[in-house]
Amino acid sequence: MLKKAVLLGALAILVTGCASVPMGSKQASDNAKQFAAPTQGQAGLYIYRGGGPGAALTKALWVDGNCLGTTAPNVFFHEQVKGDQEHTIATQSEFSNNELKLAMQSGTNYFVRQYIKLGVFVGGADLEVVSEADGKAAIKDLEMATKGKCSP
C-alpha cells in the first residue's frame, strides 16, 4: 500500500511539471538587473523566487495590499516604493497570506526571497530579507515576470 502511495505521489509530480507565469521582456529584465539606484524619494524592491521544491506551484505577491504579480520558479519582480517608510510584503501561502514588514530607506535597494515550504496539503510560501550581495547573485540568473496578475 505504501509503495502505491509513493508511486502515485511521484507520478503526480511528474505530470504536473513546472509552473509558469507571464514574463516581461528580456530588455526590461536586463535593465532591472543593472540594480540602479531608485529615483529620489523612492526605495527599490526586488522580490525573487529561485528553483527548488514546489516547482509546480505559483504564488501571488502583494506590496501594501496591491497585487505585484504571481511567482513561479526562477522569476523576480522589481518595484519602486516610497522611501523612508515601512511596507508590507505578502505572499499567498497554504491557508492564509504570510507577511513581511520592511522599513525601507530612500535611495536603497532591498532584496526579498520568496521560498516554498512544506505544507499540510500543498506547499506554502514565505518571505525573507536577504543581503544585497545574495539578492544580486540570485537574480542575475532569473528572468523578470509581468506585474499585476495575482492568482486567486
N, C-alpha and C. Protein backbone atom coordinates (compact mmCIF):
# COMPACT_ATOMS: atom_id res chain seq x y z
N MET A 1 0.82 -1.19 0.00
CA MET A 1 0.00 0.00 0.00
C MET A 1 0.87 1.26 0.00
N LEU A 2 1.92 1.26 0.82
CA LEU A 2 2.82 2.40 0.88
C LEU A 2 3.52 2.62 -0.46
N LYS A 3 3.90 1.52 -1.12
CA LYS A 3 4.56 1.64 -2.42
C LYS A 3 3.63 2.30 -3.43
N LYS A 4 2.34 1.96 -3.40
CA LYS A 4 1.39 2.57 -4.32
C LYS A 4 1.25 4.06 -4.05
N ALA A 5 1.21 4.44 -2.78
CA ALA A 5 1.09 5.86 -2.43
C ALA A 5 2.30 6.64 -2.91
N VAL A 6 3.48 6.09 -2.70
CA VAL A 6 4.71 6.76 -3.14
C VAL A 6 4.74 6.86 -4.66
N LEU A 7 4.35 5.79 -5.34
CA LEU A 7 4.32 5.80 -6.80
C LEU A 7 3.33 6.83 -7.33
N LEU A 8 2.15 6.90 -6.73
CA LEU A 8 1.16 7.89 -7.15
C LEU A 8 1.65 9.31 -6.91
N GLY A 9 2.31 9.53 -5.78
CA GLY A 9 2.86 10.85 -5.48
C GLY A 9 3.93 11.26 -6.49
N ALA A 10 4.82 10.33 -6.81
CA ALA A 10 5.87 10.61 -7.79
C ALA A 10 5.27 10.87 -9.17
N LEU A 11 4.26 10.10 -9.53
CA LEU A 11 3.59 10.30 -10.81
C LEU A 11 2.91 11.66 -10.88
N ALA A 12 2.29 12.07 -9.79
CA ALA A 12 1.63 13.38 -9.75
C ALA A 12 2.63 14.50 -9.96
N ILE A 13 3.79 14.37 -9.37
CA ILE A 13 4.84 15.39 -9.53
C ILE A 13 5.31 15.44 -10.98
N LEU A 14 5.51 14.29 -11.59
CA LEU A 14 5.96 14.26 -12.98
C LEU A 14 4.91 14.83 -13.92
N VAL A 15 3.66 14.55 -13.68
CA VAL A 15 2.59 15.01 -14.57
C VAL A 15 2.39 16.51 -14.46
N THR A 16 2.48 17.06 -13.26
CA THR A 16 2.21 18.48 -13.08
C THR A 16 3.31 19.35 -13.66
N GLY A 17 4.54 18.90 -13.67
CA GLY A 17 5.63 19.68 -14.26
C GLY A 17 5.92 20.95 -13.50
N CYS A 18 6.41 21.94 -14.22
CA CYS A 18 6.78 23.21 -13.62
C CYS A 18 5.71 24.26 -13.93
N ALA A 19 5.49 25.12 -12.98
CA ALA A 19 4.53 26.22 -13.16
C ALA A 19 5.18 27.30 -14.01
N SER A 20 4.34 28.08 -14.67
CA SER A 20 4.85 29.23 -15.41
C SER A 20 3.90 30.41 -15.22
N VAL A 21 4.44 31.59 -15.39
CA VAL A 21 3.69 32.84 -15.28
C VAL A 21 4.07 33.73 -16.46
N PRO A 22 3.26 34.75 -16.78
CA PRO A 22 3.62 35.66 -17.87
C PRO A 22 4.94 36.38 -17.57
N MET A 23 5.80 36.42 -18.56
CA MET A 23 7.12 37.01 -18.36
C MET A 23 7.24 38.36 -19.05
N GLY A 24 8.07 39.23 -18.46
CA GLY A 24 8.36 40.52 -19.06
C GLY A 24 9.36 40.36 -20.20
N SER A 25 9.68 41.46 -20.84
CA SER A 25 10.63 41.41 -21.95
C SER A 25 12.05 41.18 -21.44
N LYS A 26 12.89 40.64 -22.30
CA LYS A 26 14.30 40.43 -21.94
C LYS A 26 14.96 41.77 -21.64
N GLN A 27 14.62 42.80 -22.41
CA GLN A 27 15.21 44.12 -22.20
C GLN A 27 14.84 44.67 -20.82
N ALA A 28 13.58 44.55 -20.43
CA ALA A 28 13.16 45.03 -19.11
C ALA A 28 13.86 44.24 -18.00
N SER A 29 14.00 42.94 -18.20
CA SER A 29 14.69 42.10 -17.23
C SER A 29 16.15 42.51 -17.11
N ASP A 30 16.81 42.69 -18.25
CA ASP A 30 18.22 43.10 -18.24
C ASP A 30 18.40 44.48 -17.60
N ASN A 31 17.48 45.40 -17.87
CA ASN A 31 17.56 46.73 -17.26
C ASN A 31 17.43 46.65 -15.75
N ALA A 32 16.50 45.84 -15.26
CA ALA A 32 16.32 45.70 -13.81
C ALA A 32 17.56 45.09 -13.17
N LYS A 33 18.26 44.24 -13.90
CA LYS A 33 19.46 43.59 -13.38
C LYS A 33 20.66 44.53 -13.32
N GLN A 34 20.49 45.77 -13.74
CA GLN A 34 21.55 46.77 -13.57
C GLN A 34 21.58 47.27 -12.13
N PHE A 35 20.49 47.03 -11.39
CA PHE A 35 20.38 47.40 -9.97
C PHE A 35 20.69 48.88 -9.74
N ALA A 36 20.15 49.72 -10.61
CA ALA A 36 20.35 51.16 -10.49
C ALA A 36 19.73 51.68 -9.20
N ALA A 37 20.27 52.79 -8.72
CA ALA A 37 19.70 53.41 -7.52
C ALA A 37 18.27 53.87 -7.83
N PRO A 38 17.38 53.75 -6.86
CA PRO A 38 15.99 54.20 -7.07
C PRO A 38 15.93 55.71 -7.30
N THR A 39 14.84 56.17 -7.90
CA THR A 39 14.66 57.61 -8.09
C THR A 39 14.51 58.28 -6.73
N GLN A 40 14.71 59.60 -6.71
CA GLN A 40 14.69 60.36 -5.47
C GLN A 40 13.38 60.13 -4.71
N GLY A 41 13.51 59.88 -3.40
CA GLY A 41 12.35 59.67 -2.54
C GLY A 41 11.79 58.26 -2.60
N GLN A 42 12.42 57.40 -3.39
CA GLN A 42 11.93 56.03 -3.56
C GLN A 42 12.95 55.03 -3.03
N ALA A 43 12.46 53.82 -2.78
CA ALA A 43 13.31 52.68 -2.44
C ALA A 43 13.04 51.60 -3.49
N GLY A 44 14.06 50.83 -3.80
CA GLY A 44 13.90 49.74 -4.77
C GLY A 44 13.59 48.44 -4.05
N LEU A 45 12.69 47.67 -4.62
CA LEU A 45 12.31 46.39 -4.03
C LEU A 45 12.43 45.31 -5.09
N TYR A 46 13.29 44.34 -4.82
CA TYR A 46 13.43 43.16 -5.66
C TYR A 46 12.90 41.97 -4.87
N ILE A 47 11.95 41.26 -5.44
CA ILE A 47 11.43 40.04 -4.82
C ILE A 47 11.68 38.92 -5.81
N TYR A 48 12.30 37.84 -5.35
CA TYR A 48 12.62 36.77 -6.27
C TYR A 48 12.31 35.40 -5.68
N ARG A 49 12.18 34.46 -6.58
CA ARG A 49 11.98 33.05 -6.21
C ARG A 49 12.87 32.21 -7.10
N GLY A 50 13.77 31.49 -6.49
CA GLY A 50 14.65 30.60 -7.24
C GLY A 50 13.97 29.28 -7.53
N GLY A 51 14.75 28.30 -7.91
CA GLY A 51 14.21 26.96 -8.16
C GLY A 51 14.10 26.20 -6.86
N GLY A 52 13.88 24.91 -6.96
CA GLY A 52 13.80 24.07 -5.77
C GLY A 52 12.42 23.49 -5.57
N PRO A 53 12.09 23.13 -4.34
CA PRO A 53 10.80 22.49 -4.07
C PRO A 53 9.63 23.37 -4.49
N GLY A 54 8.55 22.73 -4.90
CA GLY A 54 7.35 23.48 -5.26
C GLY A 54 7.35 24.00 -6.68
N ALA A 55 8.07 23.33 -7.58
CA ALA A 55 8.18 23.81 -8.96
C ALA A 55 6.83 23.89 -9.67
N ALA A 56 5.85 23.13 -9.22
CA ALA A 56 4.54 23.15 -9.88
C ALA A 56 3.61 24.22 -9.31
N LEU A 57 4.09 24.98 -8.33
CA LEU A 57 3.23 25.96 -7.65
C LEU A 57 3.49 27.38 -8.12
N THR A 58 2.43 28.15 -8.23
CA THR A 58 2.55 29.60 -8.40
C THR A 58 2.03 30.23 -7.12
N LYS A 59 2.59 31.37 -6.75
CA LYS A 59 2.19 32.06 -5.52
C LYS A 59 2.12 33.56 -5.78
N ALA A 60 1.01 34.17 -5.39
CA ALA A 60 0.79 35.60 -5.59
C ALA A 60 1.58 36.41 -4.57
N LEU A 61 1.94 37.63 -4.98
CA LEU A 61 2.65 38.59 -4.12
C LEU A 61 1.89 39.91 -4.10
N TRP A 62 1.86 40.54 -2.93
CA TRP A 62 1.26 41.87 -2.78
C TRP A 62 2.24 42.77 -2.04
N VAL A 63 2.24 44.05 -2.41
CA VAL A 63 3.01 45.07 -1.70
C VAL A 63 2.00 46.11 -1.23
N ASP A 64 1.92 46.27 0.08
CA ASP A 64 0.96 47.21 0.69
C ASP A 64 -0.47 46.95 0.20
N GLY A 65 -0.82 45.68 0.06
CA GLY A 65 -2.17 45.30 -0.33
C GLY A 65 -2.45 45.34 -1.82
N ASN A 66 -1.49 45.79 -2.61
CA ASN A 66 -1.66 45.86 -4.07
C ASN A 66 -0.96 44.69 -4.74
N CYS A 67 -1.63 44.07 -5.68
CA CYS A 67 -1.06 42.93 -6.39
C CYS A 67 0.22 43.34 -7.11
N LEU A 68 1.31 42.63 -6.83
CA LEU A 68 2.55 42.82 -7.58
C LEU A 68 2.58 41.84 -8.75
N GLY A 69 2.23 40.60 -8.50
CA GLY A 69 2.21 39.57 -9.54
C GLY A 69 2.26 38.19 -8.93
N THR A 70 2.43 37.21 -9.78
CA THR A 70 2.48 35.82 -9.36
C THR A 70 3.83 35.23 -9.71
N THR A 71 4.40 34.51 -8.76
CA THR A 71 5.70 33.89 -8.99
C THR A 71 5.57 32.44 -9.42
N ALA A 72 6.60 31.99 -10.07
CA ALA A 72 6.86 30.59 -10.40
C ALA A 72 8.36 30.44 -10.17
N PRO A 73 8.90 29.25 -10.31
CA PRO A 73 10.34 29.11 -10.11
C PRO A 73 11.15 29.99 -11.07
N ASN A 74 12.23 30.53 -10.56
CA ASN A 74 13.22 31.27 -11.34
C ASN A 74 12.72 32.58 -11.94
N VAL A 75 11.92 33.32 -11.17
CA VAL A 75 11.46 34.63 -11.62
C VAL A 75 11.71 35.67 -10.53
N PHE A 76 11.69 36.94 -10.95
CA PHE A 76 11.80 38.04 -9.99
C PHE A 76 10.90 39.19 -10.42
N PHE A 77 10.65 40.08 -9.47
CA PHE A 77 9.94 41.33 -9.71
C PHE A 77 10.80 42.47 -9.22
N HIS A 78 10.67 43.62 -9.87
CA HIS A 78 11.32 44.84 -9.41
C HIS A 78 10.27 45.93 -9.35
N GLU A 79 10.26 46.65 -8.23
CA GLU A 79 9.26 47.69 -8.00
C GLU A 79 9.93 48.82 -7.22
N GLN A 80 9.51 50.05 -7.48
CA GLN A 80 9.94 51.15 -6.63
C GLN A 80 8.77 51.54 -5.74
N VAL A 81 9.07 51.78 -4.47
CA VAL A 81 8.06 52.17 -3.49
C VAL A 81 8.54 53.43 -2.78
N LYS A 82 7.65 54.10 -2.09
CA LYS A 82 8.04 55.30 -1.35
C LYS A 82 9.08 54.94 -0.30
N GLY A 83 10.11 55.79 -0.24
CA GLY A 83 11.17 55.57 0.73
C GLY A 83 10.84 56.15 2.08
N ASP A 84 11.65 55.80 3.05
CA ASP A 84 11.56 56.31 4.42
C ASP A 84 10.24 55.95 5.08
N GLN A 85 9.75 54.76 4.79
CA GLN A 85 8.56 54.26 5.48
C GLN A 85 8.53 52.74 5.44
N GLU A 86 7.64 52.17 6.25
CA GLU A 86 7.50 50.72 6.32
C GLU A 86 6.51 50.23 5.26
N HIS A 87 6.85 49.11 4.66
CA HIS A 87 5.97 48.50 3.66
C HIS A 87 5.69 47.06 4.07
N THR A 88 4.51 46.58 3.67
CA THR A 88 4.12 45.20 3.96
C THR A 88 4.13 44.41 2.66
N ILE A 89 4.92 43.36 2.66
CA ILE A 89 5.01 42.46 1.52
C ILE A 89 4.32 41.17 1.95
N ALA A 90 3.41 40.68 1.14
CA ALA A 90 2.66 39.48 1.49
C ALA A 90 2.74 38.46 0.36
N THR A 91 2.72 37.20 0.73
CA THR A 91 2.70 36.12 -0.25
C THR A 91 1.59 35.15 0.07
N GLN A 92 1.00 34.64 -0.96
CA GLN A 92 -0.02 33.60 -0.83
C GLN A 92 0.65 32.37 -0.24
N SER A 93 0.00 31.75 0.74
CA SER A 93 0.53 30.54 1.32
C SER A 93 -0.57 29.50 1.37
N GLU A 94 -0.41 28.49 2.19
CA GLU A 94 -1.35 27.37 2.16
C GLU A 94 -2.74 27.75 2.67
N PHE A 95 -2.83 28.35 3.84
CA PHE A 95 -4.13 28.67 4.42
C PHE A 95 -4.43 30.16 4.45
N SER A 96 -3.40 30.98 4.59
CA SER A 96 -3.56 32.43 4.60
C SER A 96 -2.26 33.05 4.11
N ASN A 97 -2.26 34.35 3.91
CA ASN A 97 -1.06 35.02 3.44
C ASN A 97 -0.02 35.13 4.55
N ASN A 98 1.23 35.03 4.19
CA ASN A 98 2.33 35.32 5.10
C ASN A 98 2.86 36.70 4.77
N GLU A 99 3.13 37.50 5.80
CA GLU A 99 3.55 38.89 5.60
C GLU A 99 4.93 39.16 6.16
N LEU A 100 5.59 40.11 5.53
CA LEU A 100 6.88 40.61 5.98
C LEU A 100 6.78 42.13 6.00
N LYS A 101 7.09 42.75 7.12
CA LYS A 101 7.10 44.21 7.22
C LYS A 101 8.55 44.66 7.12
N LEU A 102 8.78 45.67 6.27
CA LEU A 102 10.14 46.09 5.99
C LEU A 102 10.21 47.61 5.95
N ALA A 103 11.02 48.21 6.84
CA ALA A 103 11.26 49.65 6.82
C ALA A 103 12.29 49.92 5.73
N MET A 104 11.90 50.74 4.76
CA MET A 104 12.74 50.95 3.57
C MET A 104 13.15 52.41 3.46
N GLN A 105 14.45 52.63 3.35
CA GLN A 105 15.01 53.97 3.25
C GLN A 105 15.12 54.41 1.79
N SER A 106 14.91 55.68 1.54
CA SER A 106 15.05 56.24 0.19
C SER A 106 16.45 55.98 -0.34
N GLY A 107 16.54 55.71 -1.64
CA GLY A 107 17.83 55.54 -2.29
C GLY A 107 18.46 54.18 -2.12
N THR A 108 17.78 53.25 -1.47
CA THR A 108 18.35 51.93 -1.20
C THR A 108 17.53 50.85 -1.90
N ASN A 109 18.21 49.84 -2.42
CA ASN A 109 17.54 48.67 -2.98
C ASN A 109 17.46 47.59 -1.91
N TYR A 110 16.32 46.93 -1.83
CA TYR A 110 16.09 45.85 -0.87
C TYR A 110 15.78 44.57 -1.64
N PHE A 111 16.20 43.45 -1.07
CA PHE A 111 16.06 42.16 -1.73
C PHE A 111 15.32 41.20 -0.80
N VAL A 112 14.25 40.60 -1.33
CA VAL A 112 13.42 39.68 -0.56
C VAL A 112 13.31 38.38 -1.35
N ARG A 113 13.57 37.29 -0.66
CA ARG A 113 13.47 35.97 -1.28
C ARG A 113 12.15 35.33 -0.88
N GLN A 114 11.41 34.85 -1.86
CA GLN A 114 10.22 34.04 -1.59
C GLN A 114 10.65 32.58 -1.72
N TYR A 115 10.24 31.76 -0.77
CA TYR A 115 10.60 30.35 -0.85
C TYR A 115 9.38 29.49 -0.52
N ILE A 116 9.38 28.29 -1.05
CA ILE A 116 8.29 27.35 -0.84
C ILE A 116 8.68 26.43 0.31
N LYS A 117 7.71 26.21 1.19
CA LYS A 117 7.94 25.32 2.33
C LYS A 117 6.85 24.26 2.35
N LEU A 118 7.13 23.16 3.00
CA LEU A 118 6.17 22.07 3.07
C LEU A 118 4.91 22.52 3.79
N GLY A 119 3.78 22.04 3.31
CA GLY A 119 2.50 22.34 3.94
C GLY A 119 1.76 21.07 4.27
N VAL A 120 0.58 21.22 4.83
CA VAL A 120 -0.23 20.06 5.18
C VAL A 120 -0.80 19.42 3.91
N PHE A 121 -1.36 20.25 3.02
CA PHE A 121 -1.97 19.74 1.79
C PHE A 121 -1.17 20.13 0.54
N VAL A 122 -0.72 21.35 0.48
CA VAL A 122 0.12 21.83 -0.62
C VAL A 122 1.25 22.66 -0.02
N GLY A 123 2.23 22.98 -0.82
CA GLY A 123 3.32 23.81 -0.33
C GLY A 123 2.85 25.23 -0.04
N GLY A 124 3.36 25.79 1.03
CA GLY A 124 3.10 27.18 1.36
C GLY A 124 4.29 28.02 0.93
N ALA A 125 4.17 29.33 1.07
CA ALA A 125 5.27 30.22 0.70
C ALA A 125 5.56 31.15 1.87
N ASP A 126 6.79 31.60 1.95
CA ASP A 126 7.18 32.57 2.96
C ASP A 126 8.20 33.51 2.34
N LEU A 127 8.55 34.56 3.09
CA LEU A 127 9.44 35.61 2.61
C LEU A 127 10.55 35.86 3.60
N GLU A 128 11.72 36.22 3.10
CA GLU A 128 12.82 36.62 3.98
C GLU A 128 13.66 37.68 3.28
N VAL A 129 14.15 38.63 4.07
CA VAL A 129 15.06 39.65 3.56
C VAL A 129 16.44 39.01 3.42
N VAL A 130 17.10 39.29 2.30
CA VAL A 130 18.46 38.79 2.09
C VAL A 130 19.39 39.97 1.84
N SER A 131 20.68 39.72 1.95
CA SER A 131 21.66 40.78 1.72
C SER A 131 21.65 41.21 0.25
N GLU A 132 22.16 42.39 0.00
CA GLU A 132 22.27 42.89 -1.37
C GLU A 132 23.10 41.94 -2.22
N ALA A 133 24.22 41.47 -1.68
CA ALA A 133 25.10 40.58 -2.45
C ALA A 133 24.38 39.27 -2.80
N ASP A 134 23.68 38.68 -1.84
CA ASP A 134 22.96 37.43 -2.10
C ASP A 134 21.82 37.65 -3.09
N GLY A 135 21.10 38.76 -2.94
CA GLY A 135 19.99 39.05 -3.84
C GLY A 135 20.46 39.25 -5.27
N LYS A 136 21.50 40.04 -5.45
CA LYS A 136 22.03 40.28 -6.80
C LYS A 136 22.54 38.99 -7.43
N ALA A 137 23.23 38.17 -6.65
CA ALA A 137 23.77 36.91 -7.17
C ALA A 137 22.64 35.98 -7.62
N ALA A 138 21.57 35.93 -6.87
CA ALA A 138 20.45 35.06 -7.23
C ALA A 138 19.71 35.59 -8.45
N ILE A 139 19.45 36.88 -8.49
CA ILE A 139 18.64 37.48 -9.55
C ILE A 139 19.34 37.45 -10.91
N LYS A 140 20.67 37.47 -10.93
CA LYS A 140 21.37 37.51 -12.22
C LYS A 140 21.02 36.32 -13.11
N ASP A 141 20.59 35.21 -12.53
CA ASP A 141 20.24 34.01 -13.30
C ASP A 141 18.74 33.84 -13.50
N LEU A 142 17.93 34.81 -13.07
CA LEU A 142 16.47 34.72 -13.16
C LEU A 142 15.94 35.65 -14.24
N GLU A 143 14.67 35.52 -14.55
CA GLU A 143 14.01 36.40 -15.51
C GLU A 143 12.84 37.11 -14.82
N MET A 144 12.55 38.32 -15.28
CA MET A 144 11.52 39.14 -14.65
C MET A 144 10.13 38.75 -15.16
N ALA A 145 9.21 38.58 -14.22
CA ALA A 145 7.82 38.26 -14.55
C ALA A 145 7.02 39.54 -14.76
N THR A 146 5.89 39.41 -15.43
CA THR A 146 4.99 40.54 -15.67
C THR A 146 4.23 40.88 -14.39
N LYS A 147 4.15 42.15 -14.09
CA LYS A 147 3.44 42.61 -12.89
C LYS A 147 1.93 42.62 -13.11
N GLY A 148 1.22 42.58 -11.98
CA GLY A 148 -0.20 42.89 -11.99
C GLY A 148 -1.19 41.77 -12.13
N LYS A 149 -0.75 40.53 -12.17
CA LYS A 149 -1.70 39.42 -12.23
C LYS A 149 -1.48 38.53 -11.03
N CYS A 150 -2.45 38.54 -10.11
CA CYS A 150 -2.37 37.69 -8.94
C CYS A 150 -3.38 36.57 -9.06
N SER A 151 -2.92 35.36 -8.83
CA SER A 151 -3.83 34.23 -8.86
C SER A 151 -4.76 34.33 -7.65
N PRO A 152 -5.94 33.73 -7.75
CA PRO A 152 -6.90 33.84 -6.64
C PRO A 152 -6.41 33.18 -5.38
